[in-house]
C-alpha atoms as a PDB file:
ATOM      1  CA  UNK A   1      -7.460  12.909   9.756  1.00  0.00           C
ATOM      2  CA  UNK A   2      -4.664  14.574   7.802  1.00  0.00           C
ATOM      3  CA  UNK A   3      -3.810  18.253   8.275  1.00  0.00           C
ATOM      4  CA  UNK A   4      -3.187  18.573   4.514  1.00  0.00           C
ATOM      5  CA  UNK A   5      -5.707  20.635   2.632  1.00  0.00           C
ATOM      6  CA  UNK A   6      -7.013  18.355  -0.136  1.00  0.00           C
ATOM      7  CA  UNK A   7      -6.606  20.935  -2.907  1.00  0.00           C
ATOM      8  CA  UNK A   8      -3.037  21.780  -1.922  1.00  0.00           C
ATOM      9  CA  UNK A   9      -1.484  18.894  -3.860  1.00  0.00           C
ATOM     10  CA  UNK A  10      -3.672  19.243  -6.966  1.00  0.00           C
ATOM     11  CA  UNK A  11      -2.371  20.322 -10.334  1.00  0.00           C
ATOM     12  CA  UNK A  12      -4.315  21.758 -13.285  1.00  0.00           C
ATOM     13  CA  UNK A  13      -3.789  21.483 -16.999  1.00  0.00           C
ATOM     14  CA  UNK A  14      -4.292  24.526 -19.203  1.00  0.00           C
ATOM     15  CA  UNK A  15      -7.506  22.926 -20.491  1.00  0.00           C
ATOM     16  CA  UNK A  16      -8.856  22.379 -16.958  1.00  0.00           C
ATOM     17  CA  UNK A  17      -7.981  25.922 -15.906  1.00  0.00           C
ATOM     18  CA  UNK A  18      -9.645  27.461 -18.956  1.00  0.00           C
ATOM     19  CA  UNK A  19     -12.752  25.356 -18.379  1.00  0.00           C
ATOM     20  CA  UNK A  20     -13.009  26.611 -14.798  1.00  0.00           C
ATOM     21  CA  UNK A  21     -12.384  30.224 -15.826  1.00  0.00           C
ATOM     22  CA  UNK A  22     -15.155  29.972 -18.436  1.00  0.00           C
ATOM     23  CA  UNK A  23     -17.585  29.129 -15.614  1.00  0.00           C
ATOM     24  CA  UNK A  24     -17.382  32.727 -14.328  1.00  0.00           C
ATOM     25  CA  UNK A  25     -20.252  34.831 -15.608  1.00  0.00           C
ATOM     26  CA  UNK A  26     -18.188  38.026 -15.512  1.00  0.00           C
ATOM     27  CA  UNK A  27     -15.272  37.335 -17.857  1.00  0.00           C
ATOM     28  CA  UNK A  28     -13.750  40.755 -17.087  1.00  0.00           C
ATOM     29  CA  UNK A  29     -12.795  39.832 -13.516  1.00  0.00           C
ATOM     30  CA  UNK A  30      -9.127  40.312 -12.584  1.00  0.00           C
ATOM     31  CA  UNK A  31      -7.280  37.019 -12.042  1.00  0.00           C
ATOM     32  CA  UNK A  32      -5.382  36.798  -8.751  1.00  0.00           C
ATOM     33  CA  UNK A  33      -3.216  34.085  -7.227  1.00  0.00           C
ATOM     34  CA  UNK A  34      -2.503  33.126  -3.652  1.00  0.00           C
ATOM     35  CA  UNK A  35      -0.087  30.569  -2.260  1.00  0.00           C
ATOM     36  CA  UNK A  36      -0.688  31.219   1.442  1.00  0.00           C
ATOM     37  CA  UNK A  37      -4.321  30.094   1.836  1.00  0.00           C
ATOM     38  CA  UNK A  38      -5.754  33.497   0.959  1.00  0.00           C
ATOM     39  CA  UNK A  39      -3.721  35.731   3.277  1.00  0.00           C
ATOM     40  CA  UNK A  40      -2.280  37.626   0.303  1.00  0.00           C
ATOM     41  CA  UNK A  41      -3.224  37.862  -3.371  1.00  0.00           C
ATOM     42  CA  UNK A  42      -1.227  38.904  -6.427  1.00  0.00           C
ATOM     43  CA  UNK A  43      -2.525  39.678  -9.890  1.00  0.00           C
ATOM     44  CA  UNK A  44      -1.306  37.796 -12.945  1.00  0.00           C
ATOM     45  CA  UNK A  45       1.037  40.063 -14.914  1.00  0.00           C
ATOM     46  CA  UNK A  46       2.228  37.704 -17.634  1.00  0.00           C
ATOM     47  CA  UNK A  47       1.565  34.224 -19.043  1.00  0.00           C
ATOM     48  CA  UNK A  48       4.602  32.600 -20.620  1.00  0.00           C
ATOM     49  CA  UNK A  49       5.000  29.548 -22.823  1.00  0.00           C
ATOM     50  CA  UNK A  50       7.927  27.164 -22.646  1.00  0.00           C
ATOM     51  CA  UNK A  51       9.282  28.605 -19.394  1.00  0.00           C
ATOM     52  CA  UNK A  52      12.837  27.400 -18.773  1.00  0.00           C
ATOM     53  CA  UNK A  53      13.842  26.838 -15.137  1.00  0.00           C
ATOM     54  CA  UNK A  54      17.127  28.174 -13.744  1.00  0.00           C
ATOM     55  CA  UNK A  55      20.125  25.821 -13.882  1.00  0.00           C
ATOM     56  CA  UNK A  56      20.162  25.507 -10.079  1.00  0.00           C
ATOM     57  CA  UNK A  57      16.423  24.716  -9.918  1.00  0.00           C
ATOM     58  CA  UNK A  58      15.930  21.240  -8.354  1.00  0.00           C
ATOM     59  CA  UNK A  59      13.001  20.723 -10.762  1.00  0.00           C
ATOM     60  CA  UNK A  60      14.946  21.810 -13.847  1.00  0.00           C
ATOM     61  CA  UNK A  61      14.241  18.524 -15.625  1.00  0.00           C
ATOM     62  CA  UNK A  62      10.476  18.926 -15.282  1.00  0.00           C
ATOM     63  CA  UNK A  63       8.694  20.164 -18.384  1.00  0.00           C
ATOM     64  CA  UNK A  64       6.840  23.418 -17.769  1.00  0.00           C
ATOM     65  CA  UNK A  65       4.694  24.571 -20.655  1.00  0.00           C
ATOM     66  CA  UNK A  66       2.806  27.444 -19.076  1.00  0.00           C
ATOM     67  CA  UNK A  67       3.785  29.800 -16.270  1.00  0.00           C
ATOM     68  CA  UNK A  68       1.729  32.553 -14.652  1.00  0.00           C
ATOM     69  CA  UNK A  69       3.902  35.443 -13.490  1.00  0.00           C
ATOM     70  CA  UNK A  70       2.755  37.647 -10.604  1.00  0.00           C
END
């Protein structure tokens, strides 16, 4: 069995994320993000459209349409 956590390699579209967020009864909950399996959490401070990666970013050719800033 693989040590990878199945959800770790998943990606979400804006539509999928909104659909999941709508499933919460309390729509006034604060949105937090974690990238270390829940050891730390950060709140979303800004949502940007058309985020442009830095020139030295190895993924600079990837199209990013929505970015959550923490």
